[in-house]
Amino acid sequence: MPRSERSPLLLAGLLAAAGAAHLARPRPFDALVPRTLPGSPRAWTYASGAAELALAAGVALPRTRRAAALAGAAFFTAVFPANVKMAHDWRHRPAPLRAAAYARLPLQLPLVLWARGVARDAERTGNRPYAGAPPCGGSRSAAEARSCAGGRS
């Protein structure tokens, strides 16, 4: 599988893992929620976890990949304040933890660019499951039709 075909699935996997972590072990994420947001930190943690899972599903499916990847880029931008808060809160922690918190800040940009690249590739291939496939909606086998329908017949 060429890199351009793996990239959306890797991004979906990253989003799914992050979403599952937010839901399975919310406590560490609660501390990252900026205090200026209304409501409880736990609600924001659960909401971000659910959003990551939804984005993962959308990026994984060729039919919704472009829209989900663009939403993912917006999501990665929107959660940047949590990374800033973490870096600020961890400024007095031991050096390895402090370094990890500071390293998260510049890593947000590659995530945004990765999601935008996945969206651009999805637009270029016309939401086809892979570059050589006929566009969704055209004449195709039953298996290809299911793939364009996200696995539904």
C-alpha atoms as a PDB file:
ATOM      1  CA  MET A   1       0.000   0.000   0.000  1.00  0.00           C
ATOM      2  CA  PRO A   2       1.566   3.335  -1.059  1.00  0.00           C
ATOM      3  CA  ARG A   3       2.163   5.987   1.564  1.00  0.00           C
ATOM      4  CA  SER A   4      -0.671   8.172   0.237  1.00  0.00           C
ATOM      5  CA  GLU A   5      -3.105   5.300   0.838  1.00  0.00           C
ATOM      6  CA  ARG A   6      -1.747   4.572   4.338  1.00  0.00           C
ATOM      7  CA  SER A   7      -1.680   8.183   5.494  1.00  0.00           C
ATOM      8  CA  PRO A   8      -5.435   8.567   6.103  1.00  0.00           C
ATOM      9  CA  LEU A   9      -5.558   5.247   7.936  1.00  0.00           C
ATOM     10  CA  LEU A  10      -2.612   6.230  10.140  1.00  0.00           C
ATOM     11  CA  LEU A  11      -4.272   9.560  10.910  1.00  0.00           C
ATOM     12  CA  ALA A  12      -7.523   7.739  11.702  1.00  0.00           C
ATOM     13  CA  GLY A  13      -5.601   5.381  13.982  1.00  0.00           C
ATOM     14  CA  LEU A  14      -3.969   8.266  15.828  1.00  0.00           C
ATOM     15  CA  LEU A  15      -7.323   9.984  16.317  1.00  0.00           C
ATOM     16  CA  ALA A  16      -8.978   6.737  17.452  1.00  0.00           C
ATOM     17  CA  ALA A  17      -6.213   6.015  19.965  1.00  0.00           C
ATOM     18  CA  ALA A  18      -6.366   9.548  21.350  1.00  0.00           C
ATOM     19  CA  GLY A  19     -10.167   9.438  21.552  1.00  0.00           C
ATOM     20  CA  ALA A  20     -10.145   6.084  23.309  1.00  0.00           C
ATOM     21  CA  ALA A  21      -7.531   7.357  25.784  1.00  0.00           C
ATOM     22  CA  HIS A  22      -9.680  10.403  26.596  1.00  0.00           C
ATOM     23  CA  LEU A  23     -12.658   8.169  27.344  1.00  0.00           C
ATOM     24  CA  ALA A  24     -10.844   5.322  29.101  1.00  0.00           C
ATOM     25  CA  ARG A  25      -8.574   7.453  31.326  1.00  0.00           C
ATOM     26  CA  PRO A  26     -10.035  10.971  31.424  1.00  0.00           C
ATOM     27  CA  ARG A  27      -8.358  12.218  34.600  1.00  0.00           C
ATOM     28  CA  PRO A  28      -4.967  13.261  33.103  1.00  0.00           C
ATOM     29  CA  PHE A  29      -6.780  15.091  30.303  1.00  0.00           C
ATOM     30  CA  ASP A  30      -9.082  16.952  32.705  1.00  0.00           C
ATOM     31  CA  ALA A  31      -6.080  18.899  33.996  1.00  0.00           C
ATOM     32  CA  LEU A  32      -5.352  20.186  30.480  1.00  0.00           C
ATOM     33  CA  VAL A  33      -8.737  21.849  30.004  1.00  0.00           C
ATOM     34  CA  PRO A  34      -8.348  25.627  30.251  1.00  0.00           C
ATOM     35  CA  ARG A  35     -10.243  27.025  33.244  1.00  0.00           C
ATOM     36  CA  THR A  36     -11.796  29.721  31.068  1.00  0.00           C
ATOM     37  CA  LEU A  37     -14.017  27.159  29.327  1.00  0.00           C
ATOM     38  CA  PRO A  38     -17.533  26.846  30.757  1.00  0.00           C
ATOM     39  CA  GLY A  39     -18.647  23.591  32.290  1.00  0.00           C
ATOM     40  CA  SER A  40     -16.654  20.827  33.898  1.00  0.00           C
ATOM     41  CA  PRO A  41     -13.261  19.711  32.618  1.00  0.00           C
ATOM     42  CA  ARG A  42     -14.539  16.108  32.516  1.00  0.00           C
ATOM     43  CA  ALA A  43     -17.313  17.097  30.091  1.00  0.00           C
ATOM     44  CA  TRP A  44     -14.713  18.708  27.801  1.00  0.00           C
ATOM     45  CA  THR A  45     -12.483  15.642  28.068  1.00  0.00           C
ATOM     46  CA  TYR A  46     -15.332  13.333  27.095  1.00  0.00           C
ATOM     47  CA  ALA A  47     -16.449  15.667  24.310  1.00  0.00           C
ATOM     48  CA  SER A  48     -12.955  15.839  22.838  1.00  0.00           C
ATOM     49  CA  GLY A  49     -12.615  12.058  23.065  1.00  0.00           C
ATOM     50  CA  ALA A  50     -15.925  11.554  21.283  1.00  0.00           C
ATOM     51  CA  ALA A  51     -14.929  14.120  18.657  1.00  0.00           C
ATOM     52  CA  GLU A  52     -11.642  12.306  18.041  1.00  0.00           C
ATOM     53  CA  LEU A  53     -13.456   8.993  17.602  1.00  0.00           C
ATOM     54  CA  ALA A  54     -15.932  10.565  15.175  1.00  0.00           C
ATOM     55  CA  LEU A  55     -13.103  12.195  13.237  1.00  0.00           C
ATOM     56  CA  ALA A  56     -11.248   8.865  13.121  1.00  0.00           C
ATOM     57  CA  ALA A  57     -14.272   7.144  11.622  1.00  0.00           C
ATOM     58  CA  GLY A  58     -14.764   9.949   9.117  1.00  0.00           C
ATOM     59  CA  VAL A  59     -11.121   9.960   8.015  1.00  0.00           C
ATOM     60  CA  ALA A  60     -11.102   6.167   7.676  1.00  0.00           C
ATOM     61  CA  LEU A  61     -14.035   6.171   5.241  1.00  0.00           C
ATOM     62  CA  PRO A  62     -13.226   7.407   1.728  1.00  0.00           C
ATOM     63  CA  ARG A  63     -16.669   8.943   1.279  1.00  0.00           C
ATOM     64  CA  THR A  64     -16.284  11.279   4.291  1.00  0.00           C
ATOM     65  CA  ARG A  65     -12.494  11.552   4.345  1.00  0.00           C
ATOM     66  CA  ARG A  66     -12.121  15.066   2.957  1.00  0.00           C
ATOM     67  CA  ALA A  67     -14.657  16.697   5.273  1.00  0.00           C
ATOM     68  CA  ALA A  68     -13.425  14.752   8.307  1.00  0.00           C
ATOM     69  CA  ALA A  69      -9.779  15.564   7.594  1.00  0.00           C
ATOM     70  CA  LEU A  70     -10.592  19.278   7.305  1.00  0.00           C
ATOM     71  CA  ALA A  71     -12.540  19.040  10.561  1.00  0.00           C
ATOM     72  CA  GLY A  72      -9.536  17.239  12.053  1.00  0.00           C
ATOM     73  CA  ALA A  73      -7.234  20.100  11.054  1.00  0.00           C
ATOM     74  CA  ALA A  74      -9.639  22.518  12.752  1.00  0.00           C
ATOM     75  CA  PHE A  75      -9.783  20.253  15.812  1.00  0.00           C
ATOM     76  CA  PHE A  76      -5.978  20.099  16.089  1.00  0.00           C
ATOM     77  CA  THR A  77      -5.945  23.896  15.957  1.00  0.00           C
ATOM     78  CA  ALA A  78      -8.728  24.209  18.528  1.00  0.00           C
ATOM     79  CA  VAL A  79      -6.987  22.021  21.124  1.00  0.00           C
ATOM     80  CA  PHE A  80      -3.724  23.969  20.925  1.00  0.00           C
ATOM     81  CA  PRO A  81      -4.643  26.088  23.996  1.00  0.00           C
ATOM     82  CA  ALA A  82      -4.727  22.874  26.053  1.00  0.00           C
ATOM     83  CA  ASN A  83      -1.138  22.166  24.984  1.00  0.00           C
ATOM     84  CA  VAL A  84      -0.126  25.703  25.964  1.00  0.00           C
ATOM     85  CA  LYS A  85      -1.797  25.207  29.348  1.00  0.00           C
ATOM     86  CA  MET A  86       0.050  21.930  29.816  1.00  0.00           C
ATOM     87  CA  ALA A  87       3.407  23.555  28.995  1.00  0.00           C
ATOM     88  CA  HIS A  88       2.661  26.357  31.461  1.00  0.00           C
ATOM     89  CA  ASP A  89       1.448  24.034  34.210  1.00  0.00           C
ATOM     90  CA  TRP A  90       4.421  21.687  33.806  1.00  0.00           C
ATOM     91  CA  ARG A  91       7.120  24.380  33.767  1.00  0.00           C
ATOM     92  CA  HIS A  92       8.308  23.351  37.254  1.00  0.00           C
ATOM     93  CA  ARG A  93       8.169  19.585  36.705  1.00  0.00           C
ATOM     94  CA  PRO A  94      11.310  17.472  36.222  1.00  0.00           C
ATOM     95  CA  ALA A  95      13.186  18.156  32.975  1.00  0.00           C
ATOM     96  CA  PRO A  96      11.931  15.107  31.008  1.00  0.00           C
ATOM     97  CA  LEU A  97       8.264  15.923  31.739  1.00  0.00           C
ATOM     98  CA  ARG A  98       8.817  19.607  31.052  1.00  0.00           C
ATOM     99  CA  ALA A  99      10.526  18.730  27.751  1.00  0.00           C
ATOM    100  CA  ALA A 100       7.592  16.510  26.752  1.00  0.00           C
ATOM    101  CA  ALA A 101       5.122  19.295  27.496  1.00  0.00           C
ATOM    102  CA  TYR A 102       7.136  21.834  25.497  1.00  0.00           C
ATOM    103  CA  ALA A 103       7.643  19.374  22.624  1.00  0.00           C
ATOM    104  CA  ARG A 104       3.886  19.074  22.153  1.00  0.00           C
ATOM    105  CA  LEU A 105       3.620  22.725  21.139  1.00  0.00           C
ATOM    106  CA  PRO A 106       5.445  22.584  17.779  1.00  0.00           C
ATOM    107  CA  LEU A 107       4.034  19.111  17.041  1.00  0.00           C
ATOM    108  CA  GLN A 108       0.563  20.563  16.612  1.00  0.00           C
ATOM    109  CA  LEU A 109       1.507  22.189  13.290  1.00  0.00           C
ATOM    110  CA  PRO A 110       2.523  18.906  11.590  1.00  0.00           C
ATOM    111  CA  LEU A 111      -0.778  17.379  12.734  1.00  0.00           C
ATOM    112  CA  VAL A 112      -2.726  20.241  11.152  1.00  0.00           C
ATOM    113  CA  LEU A 113      -0.694  19.951   7.941  1.00  0.00           C
ATOM    114  CA  TRP A 114      -1.090  16.159   7.893  1.00  0.00           C
ATOM    115  CA  ALA A 115      -4.873  16.422   8.172  1.00  0.00           C
ATOM    116  CA  ARG A 116      -4.965  19.083   5.445  1.00  0.00           C
ATOM    117  CA  GLY A 117      -2.829  16.850   3.214  1.00  0.00           C
ATOM    118  CA  VAL A 118      -5.220  13.939   3.727  1.00  0.00           C
ATOM    119  CA  ALA A 119      -8.117  16.245   2.790  1.00  0.00           C
ATOM    120  CA  ARG A 120      -6.258  17.460  -0.312  1.00  0.00           C
ATOM    121  CA  ASP A 121      -5.494  13.880  -1.389  1.00  0.00           C
ATOM    122  CA  ALA A 122      -9.132  12.874  -0.853  1.00  0.00           C
ATOM    123  CA  GLU A 123     -10.260  15.758  -3.038  1.00  0.00           C
ATOM    124  CA  ARG A 124      -7.730  14.837  -5.724  1.00  0.00           C
ATOM    125  CA  THR A 125      -8.846  11.200  -5.832  1.00  0.00           C
ATOM    126  CA  GLY A 126     -12.546  12.095  -5.721  1.00  0.00           C
ATOM    127  CA  ASN A 127     -13.224  10.177  -2.484  1.00  0.00           C
ATOM    128  CA  ARG A 128     -12.146   6.926  -4.112  1.00  0.00           C
ATOM    129  CA  PRO A 129     -10.844   4.244  -1.727  1.00  0.00           C
ATOM    130  CA  TYR A 130      -7.479   4.358  -3.549  1.00  0.00           C
ATOM    131  CA  ALA A 131      -6.064   6.369  -6.432  1.00  0.00           C
ATOM    132  CA  GLY A 132      -6.691   3.731  -9.120  1.00  0.00           C
ATOM    133  CA  ALA A 133     -10.327   3.088  -8.257  1.00  0.00           C
ATOM    134  CA  PRO A 134     -13.199   4.504 -10.290  1.00  0.00           C
ATOM    135  CA  PRO A 135     -14.907   7.465  -8.623  1.00  0.00           C
ATOM    136  CA  CYS A 136     -17.708   6.727  -6.212  1.00  0.00           C
ATOM    137  CA  GLY A 137     -21.027   6.781  -7.979  1.00  0.00           C
ATOM    138  CA  GLY A 138     -19.712   5.290 -11.237  1.00  0.00           C
ATOM    139  CA  SER A 139     -20.163   1.795 -12.629  1.00  0.00           C
ATOM    140  CA  ARG A 140     -18.521  -0.660 -10.242  1.00  0.00           C
ATOM    141  CA  SER A 141     -18.596  -4.097  -8.717  1.00  0.00           C
ATOM    142  CA  ALA A 142     -20.635  -4.808  -5.592  1.00  0.00           C
ATOM    143  CA  ALA A 143     -17.456  -4.788  -3.447  1.00  0.00           C
ATOM    144  CA  GLU A 144     -16.397  -1.385  -4.849  1.00  0.00           C
ATOM    145  CA  ALA A 145     -19.883  -0.008  -4.250  1.00  0.00           C
ATOM    146  CA  ARG A 146     -19.752  -1.177  -0.609  1.00  0.00           C
ATOM    147  CA  SER A 147     -16.343   0.470  -0.210  1.00  0.00           C
ATOM    148  CA  CYS A 148     -17.685   3.813  -1.451  1.00  0.00           C
ATOM    149  CA  ALA A 149     -20.718   3.430   0.811  1.00  0.00           C
ATOM    150  CA  GLY A 150     -18.450   2.969   3.803  1.00  0.00           C
ATOM    151  CA  GLY A 151     -18.996  -0.797   3.896  1.00  0.00           C
ATOM    152  CA  ARG A 152     -22.782  -0.615   3.520  1.00  0.00           C
ATOM    153  CA  SER A 153     -24.550  -2.397   0.673  1.00  0.00           C
END
